[in-house]
Amino acid sequence: MLILTGAAATALRDLSSRSELPDGTGVRIAPRDGDASLLALTPAAGPDSTDEVVETEGVRLFLESSTAAVLRGKVLDARMDERGSVGFIINTPSCEKHAE
């Protein structure tokens, strides 16, 4: 499952709860313009028929089917730039190995 940082959860809740959007709106994550190396995060009233639906941290996510597999086990974070725009970053969680 995709893991959200607190910053990402807050940004996604803000994105999906704007006043002009219907109740129950989620965020769809899918390739941008068919390019699997670029992802678009957009408000969506509901999932597409093949989307994987994830509800976490108070956010409804609709993951495009091929994207869901790529994001499994990844961490989604959000950062705000100096102009106040939010950007999302996908990271692989770091694993620490302990010597015994």
Protein backbone atom coordinates (compact mmCIF):
# COMPACT_ATOMS: atom_id res chain seq x y z
CA MET A 1 0.00 0.00 0.00
CA LEU A 2 1.12 3.59 -0.61
CA ILE A 3 2.24 5.32 2.59
CA LEU A 4 1.45 9.02 3.10
CA THR A 5 3.48 11.42 5.20
CA GLY A 6 1.56 13.89 7.34
CA ALA A 7 2.37 16.67 4.86
CA ALA A 8 1.09 14.62 1.91
CA ALA A 9 -2.11 13.65 3.74
CA THR A 10 -2.82 17.29 4.58
CA ALA A 11 -2.14 18.46 1.00
CA LEU A 12 -4.32 15.70 -0.48
CA ARG A 13 -7.19 16.41 1.95
CA ASP A 14 -6.98 20.09 0.98
CA LEU A 15 -6.98 19.18 -2.73
CA SER A 16 -10.01 16.90 -2.48
CA SER A 17 -12.10 19.04 -0.13
CA ARG A 18 -12.25 22.31 -2.05
CA SER A 19 -15.72 23.87 -1.88
CA GLU A 20 -16.44 23.47 -5.62
CA LEU A 21 -15.96 19.68 -5.45
CA PRO A 22 -18.71 17.20 -4.48
CA ASP A 23 -18.60 15.40 -1.14
CA GLY A 24 -16.67 12.14 -1.32
CA THR A 25 -14.19 13.44 -3.88
CA GLY A 26 -10.86 11.64 -3.83
CA VAL A 27 -7.55 12.06 -5.58
CA ARG A 28 -6.70 9.98 -8.65
CA ILE A 29 -3.07 9.11 -9.27
CA ALA A 30 -2.38 8.07 -12.85
CA PRO A 31 0.27 8.48 -15.56
CA ARG A 32 0.34 11.99 -17.00
CA ASP A 33 -0.46 11.98 -20.72
CA GLY A 34 0.23 8.24 -20.91
CA ASP A 35 3.82 8.64 -19.68
CA ALA A 36 4.32 6.17 -16.82
CA SER A 37 7.39 8.08 -15.61
CA LEU A 38 5.24 11.15 -14.80
CA LEU A 39 2.26 10.96 -12.47
CA ALA A 40 -0.67 13.35 -12.21
CA LEU A 41 -2.61 13.80 -8.98
CA THR A 42 -6.07 15.18 -9.74
CA PRO A 43 -9.34 15.47 -7.81
CA ALA A 44 -11.87 12.86 -8.94
CA ALA A 45 -15.50 12.32 -7.96
CA GLY A 46 -14.93 8.57 -8.01
CA PRO A 47 -12.60 5.86 -9.23
CA ASP A 48 -12.39 4.53 -12.77
CA SER A 49 -13.58 0.92 -13.06
CA THR A 50 -10.05 -0.51 -12.92
CA ASP A 51 -8.65 1.81 -10.22
CA GLU A 52 -7.46 0.46 -6.89
CA VAL A 53 -9.18 2.41 -4.10
CA VAL A 54 -7.15 3.20 -0.99
CA GLU A 55 -8.47 5.08 2.02
CA THR A 56 -5.76 6.22 4.40
CA GLU A 57 -5.11 9.21 6.66
CA GLY A 58 -8.59 10.55 5.85
CA VAL A 59 -7.84 10.60 2.11
CA ARG A 60 -9.53 8.60 -0.66
CA LEU A 61 -7.01 7.66 -3.35
CA PHE A 62 -7.90 6.18 -6.72
CA LEU A 63 -4.77 4.51 -8.09
CA GLU A 64 -4.71 3.69 -11.79
CA SER A 65 -4.10 -0.07 -12.01
CA SER A 66 -0.52 -0.06 -13.35
CA THR A 67 0.38 2.85 -11.08
CA ALA A 68 -0.90 1.00 -8.00
CA ALA A 69 1.67 -1.76 -8.50
CA VAL A 70 4.52 0.75 -8.92
CA LEU A 71 3.49 2.72 -5.80
CA ARG A 72 3.06 -0.30 -3.52
CA GLY A 73 5.34 0.16 -0.51
CA LYS A 74 6.41 3.67 -1.54
CA VAL A 75 6.08 6.86 0.53
CA LEU A 76 4.28 9.93 -0.86
CA ASP A 77 5.48 13.22 0.62
CA ALA A 78 4.55 16.84 -0.13
CA ARG A 79 6.66 19.97 -0.11
CA MET A 80 5.65 23.60 -0.53
CA ASP A 81 7.86 25.86 -2.63
CA GLU A 82 8.57 29.55 -2.03
CA ARG A 83 5.50 30.54 -4.09
CA GLY A 84 3.19 28.37 -1.99
CA SER A 85 2.73 25.66 -4.63
CA VAL A 86 2.65 22.07 -3.43
CA GLY A 87 4.75 19.43 -5.11
CA PHE A 88 4.61 15.71 -4.42
CA ILE A 89 7.60 13.40 -4.09
CA ILE A 90 7.62 9.60 -4.15
CA ASN A 91 10.29 7.91 -2.06
CA THR A 92 11.25 4.36 -1.24
CA PRO A 93 11.32 3.86 2.54
CA SER A 94 14.83 3.45 3.87
CA CYS A 95 15.63 0.19 5.57
CA GLU A 96 18.18 0.16 8.33
CA LYS A 97 20.15 -3.00 8.88
CA HIS A 98 21.41 -3.67 12.35
CA ALA A 99 24.62 -5.56 12.94
CA GLU A 100 24.35 -8.19 15.63
